Protein backbone atom coordinates (compact mmCIF):
# COMPACT_ATOMS: atom_id res chain seq x y z
CA MET A 1 -15.24 5.61 13.68
CA GLU A 2 -14.96 5.22 17.43
CA LEU A 3 -18.19 3.51 18.40
CA GLU A 4 -17.29 3.56 22.09
CA ARG A 5 -17.19 7.37 22.06
CA ASP A 6 -19.87 8.01 19.40
CA GLU A 7 -17.38 9.89 17.27
CA PHE A 8 -17.11 9.86 13.53
CA ILE A 9 -15.45 11.88 10.83
CA VAL A 10 -17.50 13.54 8.15
CA GLN A 11 -15.85 14.69 4.98
CA TYR A 12 -17.84 17.09 2.88
CA ASP A 13 -17.54 19.14 -0.29
CA ALA A 14 -17.42 22.80 0.74
CA SER A 15 -18.55 23.85 -2.75
CA ARG A 16 -21.89 22.06 -2.20
CA SER A 17 -22.62 22.76 1.45
CA SER A 18 -21.35 25.04 4.16
CA LEU A 19 -19.92 23.82 7.43
CA GLU A 20 -22.75 25.64 9.22
CA ASP A 21 -25.38 23.72 7.20
CA LEU A 22 -23.63 20.45 7.98
CA MET A 23 -23.51 21.27 11.71
CA ALA A 24 -27.21 22.29 11.72
CA THR A 25 -28.24 19.08 9.94
CA SER A 26 -26.25 17.00 12.40
CA LYS A 27 -27.82 18.75 15.39
CA SER A 28 -31.35 18.41 13.95
CA THR A 29 -30.90 14.62 13.86
CA GLY A 30 -29.91 14.53 17.52
CA PHE A 31 -26.15 14.30 17.03
CA PRO A 32 -24.43 17.37 18.43
CA ALA A 33 -21.47 18.14 16.20
CA THR A 34 -18.22 19.94 16.76
CA VAL A 35 -15.25 20.54 14.54
CA VAL A 36 -12.28 18.88 16.14
CA LYS A 37 -9.70 19.29 13.41
CA ASP A 38 -9.73 20.44 9.83
CA THR A 39 -6.98 18.54 8.03
CA PRO A 40 -5.98 19.21 4.42
CA SER A 41 -6.87 16.31 2.14
CA SER A 42 -3.32 16.04 0.82
CA GLU A 43 -1.83 15.38 4.27
CA THR A 44 -0.03 12.07 4.48
CA PRO A 45 1.33 10.89 7.83
CA ALA A 46 5.10 10.66 8.13
CA PHE A 47 5.03 6.89 8.85
CA PHE A 48 3.29 6.28 5.53
CA GLU A 49 5.71 8.50 3.59
CA THR A 50 8.62 6.71 5.29
CA ALA A 51 7.25 3.30 4.22
CA LEU A 52 6.81 4.49 0.62
CA THR A 53 10.34 5.90 0.55
CA ARG A 54 11.83 2.75 2.06
CA ALA A 55 10.00 0.45 -0.39
CA LYS A 56 11.24 2.53 -3.30
CA SER A 57 14.86 2.77 -2.11
CA GLU A 58 15.06 -0.93 -1.22
CA ARG A 59 13.06 -2.00 -4.33
CA LYS A 60 10.64 -4.02 -2.20
CA LEU A 61 6.93 -4.77 -2.29
CA LEU A 62 4.97 -2.39 -0.05
CA VAL A 63 2.20 -4.15 1.89
CA VAL A 64 -0.40 -1.70 3.23
CA ASP A 65 -2.64 -3.25 5.87
CA PHE A 66 -5.78 -1.15 6.36
CA THR A 67 -7.20 -2.13 9.74
CA ALA A 68 -9.20 -0.93 12.74
CA SER A 69 -9.31 -1.87 16.40
CA TRP A 70 -12.98 -2.83 16.16
CA CYS A 71 -12.46 -5.22 13.18
CA PRO A 72 -12.27 -8.87 14.41
CA PRO A 73 -10.87 -10.32 11.14
CA CYS A 74 -8.23 -7.55 11.06
CA GLN A 75 -7.16 -8.33 14.60
CA LYS A 76 -7.06 -12.04 13.81
CA MET A 77 -4.72 -11.38 10.89
CA LEU A 78 -2.49 -9.25 13.14
CA ARG A 79 -2.42 -12.04 15.76
CA GLU A 80 -2.24 -15.13 13.54
CA THR A 81 -1.41 -14.47 9.89
CA PHE A 82 1.34 -11.83 10.01
CA PRO A 83 3.39 -13.44 12.83
CA ASP A 84 3.21 -16.91 11.25
CA PRO A 85 6.74 -17.89 10.09
CA LEU A 86 5.48 -18.53 6.54
CA VAL A 87 4.45 -14.88 6.27
CA ALA A 88 6.69 -13.13 8.81
CA ASP A 89 9.89 -14.14 7.04
CA LEU A 90 8.66 -12.82 3.69
CA LEU A 91 7.36 -9.60 5.23
CA GLY A 92 10.55 -9.02 7.19
CA GLU A 93 13.06 -9.78 4.46
CA ARG A 94 11.43 -9.01 1.13
CA CYS A 95 8.65 -6.51 1.86
CA VAL A 96 7.89 -3.29 3.66
CA LEU A 97 4.77 -3.62 5.83
CA VAL A 98 2.81 -0.60 7.00
CA THR A 99 -0.36 -0.78 9.08
CA VAL A 100 -2.90 2.01 8.68
CA ASP A 101 -5.69 2.39 11.23
CA THR A 102 -8.59 3.71 9.16
CA ASP A 103 -10.10 5.50 12.15
CA GLU A 104 -6.91 7.39 12.85
CA HIS A 105 -6.03 8.03 9.18
CA PRO A 106 -9.28 8.15 7.20
CA ARG A 107 -7.81 10.25 4.40
CA ILE A 108 -5.36 7.52 3.39
CA ALA A 109 -8.20 5.00 3.43
CA GLN A 110 -10.24 7.35 1.28
CA ARG A 111 -7.34 7.86 -1.14
CA TYR A 112 -7.16 4.09 -1.66
CA SER A 113 -10.98 3.69 -1.75
CA VAL A 114 -11.10 1.36 1.23
CA VAL A 115 -14.74 0.36 1.78
CA GLY A 116 -14.44 -2.71 4.00
CA LEU A 117 -11.95 -4.30 6.33
CA PRO A 118 -9.60 -6.02 6.31
CA ASP A 119 -8.23 -4.48 3.13
CA ILE A 120 -4.62 -5.10 2.19
CA ARG A 121 -2.98 -3.33 -0.73
CA PHE A 122 0.18 -4.53 -2.38
CA LEU A 123 2.10 -1.70 -4.01
CA SER A 124 5.10 -1.83 -6.29
CA PRO A 125 8.27 -0.07 -5.13
CA ASP A 126 7.08 2.91 -7.19
CA GLY A 127 3.79 3.06 -5.28
CA GLU A 128 1.56 1.54 -7.98
CA GLU A 129 -1.15 -0.84 -6.79
CA MET A 130 -0.45 -4.38 -7.95
CA HIS A 131 -3.12 -6.27 -6.03
CA ARG A 132 -5.73 -5.84 -3.33
CA GLN A 133 -6.81 -8.45 -0.84
CA ARG A 134 -10.04 -8.17 1.07
CA ASP A 135 -11.31 -10.38 3.86
CA PHE A 136 -9.41 -12.58 6.30
CA GLN A 137 -6.56 -14.69 4.94
CA ASP A 138 -4.86 -17.43 6.90
CA ALA A 139 -1.07 -17.71 6.69
CA GLU A 140 -1.07 -20.33 3.92
CA GLN A 141 -3.38 -18.31 1.66
CA PHE A 142 -1.60 -15.05 2.37
CA GLU A 143 1.82 -16.59 1.73
CA VAL A 144 0.79 -17.71 -1.77
CA THR A 145 -0.30 -14.19 -2.74
CA LEU A 146 2.71 -12.59 -1.07
CA LYS A 147 5.23 -14.90 -2.77
CA ARG A 148 3.69 -14.31 -6.19
CA LEU A 149 3.82 -10.54 -5.81
CA VAL A 150 7.33 -10.50 -4.32
CA LEU A 151 8.54 -12.53 -7.31
CA GLN A 152 6.86 -10.08 -9.72
CA VAL A 153 8.68 -7.18 -8.09
CA GLU A 154 12.00 -9.02 -8.10
CA ARG A 155 11.60 -10.15 -11.72
CA ALA A 156 10.74 -6.62 -12.78
CA ASP A 157 13.95 -5.40 -11.14
CA ASN A 158 15.94 -8.16 -12.88
CA LEU A 159 14.44 -7.18 -16.23
CA VAL A 160 15.57 -3.62 -15.66
CA ASP A 161 19.05 -4.93 -14.87
CA VAL A 162 19.05 -7.02 -18.05
CA ALA A 163 17.83 -4.07 -20.09
CA ASP A 164 20.58 -1.89 -18.62
CA GLU A 165 23.17 -4.57 -19.38
CA GLU A 166 21.84 -4.92 -22.93
CA LYS A 167 22.24 -1.18 -23.38
CA ASN A 168 25.86 -1.41 -22.20
CA VAL A 169 26.59 -4.29 -24.59
CA ARG A 170 25.11 -2.34 -27.50
CA GLU A 171 27.23 0.69 -26.66
CA ILE A 172 30.38 -1.45 -26.60
CA PHE A 173 29.38 -3.12 -29.87
CA ASN A 174 28.76 0.23 -31.54
CA GLN A 175 32.13 1.57 -30.34
CA ASP A 176 34.26 -1.41 -31.39
CA SER A 177 32.26 -3.51 -33.85
CA GLU A 178 35.26 -4.97 -35.71
CA HIS A 179 36.42 -6.90 -32.62
CA VAL A 180 33.02 -8.33 -31.74
CA ARG A 181 32.45 -11.70 -33.39
CA LEU A 182 29.07 -12.62 -31.93
CA LEU A 183 26.41 -10.64 -30.14
CA LEU A 184 23.80 -12.81 -28.48
CA VAL A 185 20.86 -11.15 -26.76
CA LEU A 186 18.66 -13.47 -24.76
CA SER A 187 15.15 -12.44 -23.93
CA PRO A 188 13.41 -13.82 -20.82
CA THR A 189 10.09 -15.49 -21.57
């Protein structure tokens, strides 16, 4: 929503109402309406796809910051929380950060059911939501959440590595069992 220009995006179900009915209703309330762009609901901007792909290939936590220029707490996080060394180092080295302006990309916000700002989603490298954070967070608070989630992602990757290694050990054992004296499988707790 661009309050300075009195513009807003309306999404509607074409099976329930026609575009003409929507336009007539808008005009009857004193808001002249025009169709600026009709975008398919499945469209995802390239920058968002790139972030998803990068997080997956690098096996990193994806941090999706839903924001807007008119949101004071969002702007405060952009100015204070994200650049703080406690957070910036984690974001730069162990995460992929993508910022989504909800006015420019309302369909992504809708896909993630964003209802208020700031809204930060933490996604696994496979794109699954792990956590959501609403409201302003200072650097100390945000760092605690970020560290916990980064460690979850890294531990999950290590467990996969251990599981793969266990599979290799079992294959070797099954191939040459008479030379193996002891097979010890440790399980992380």
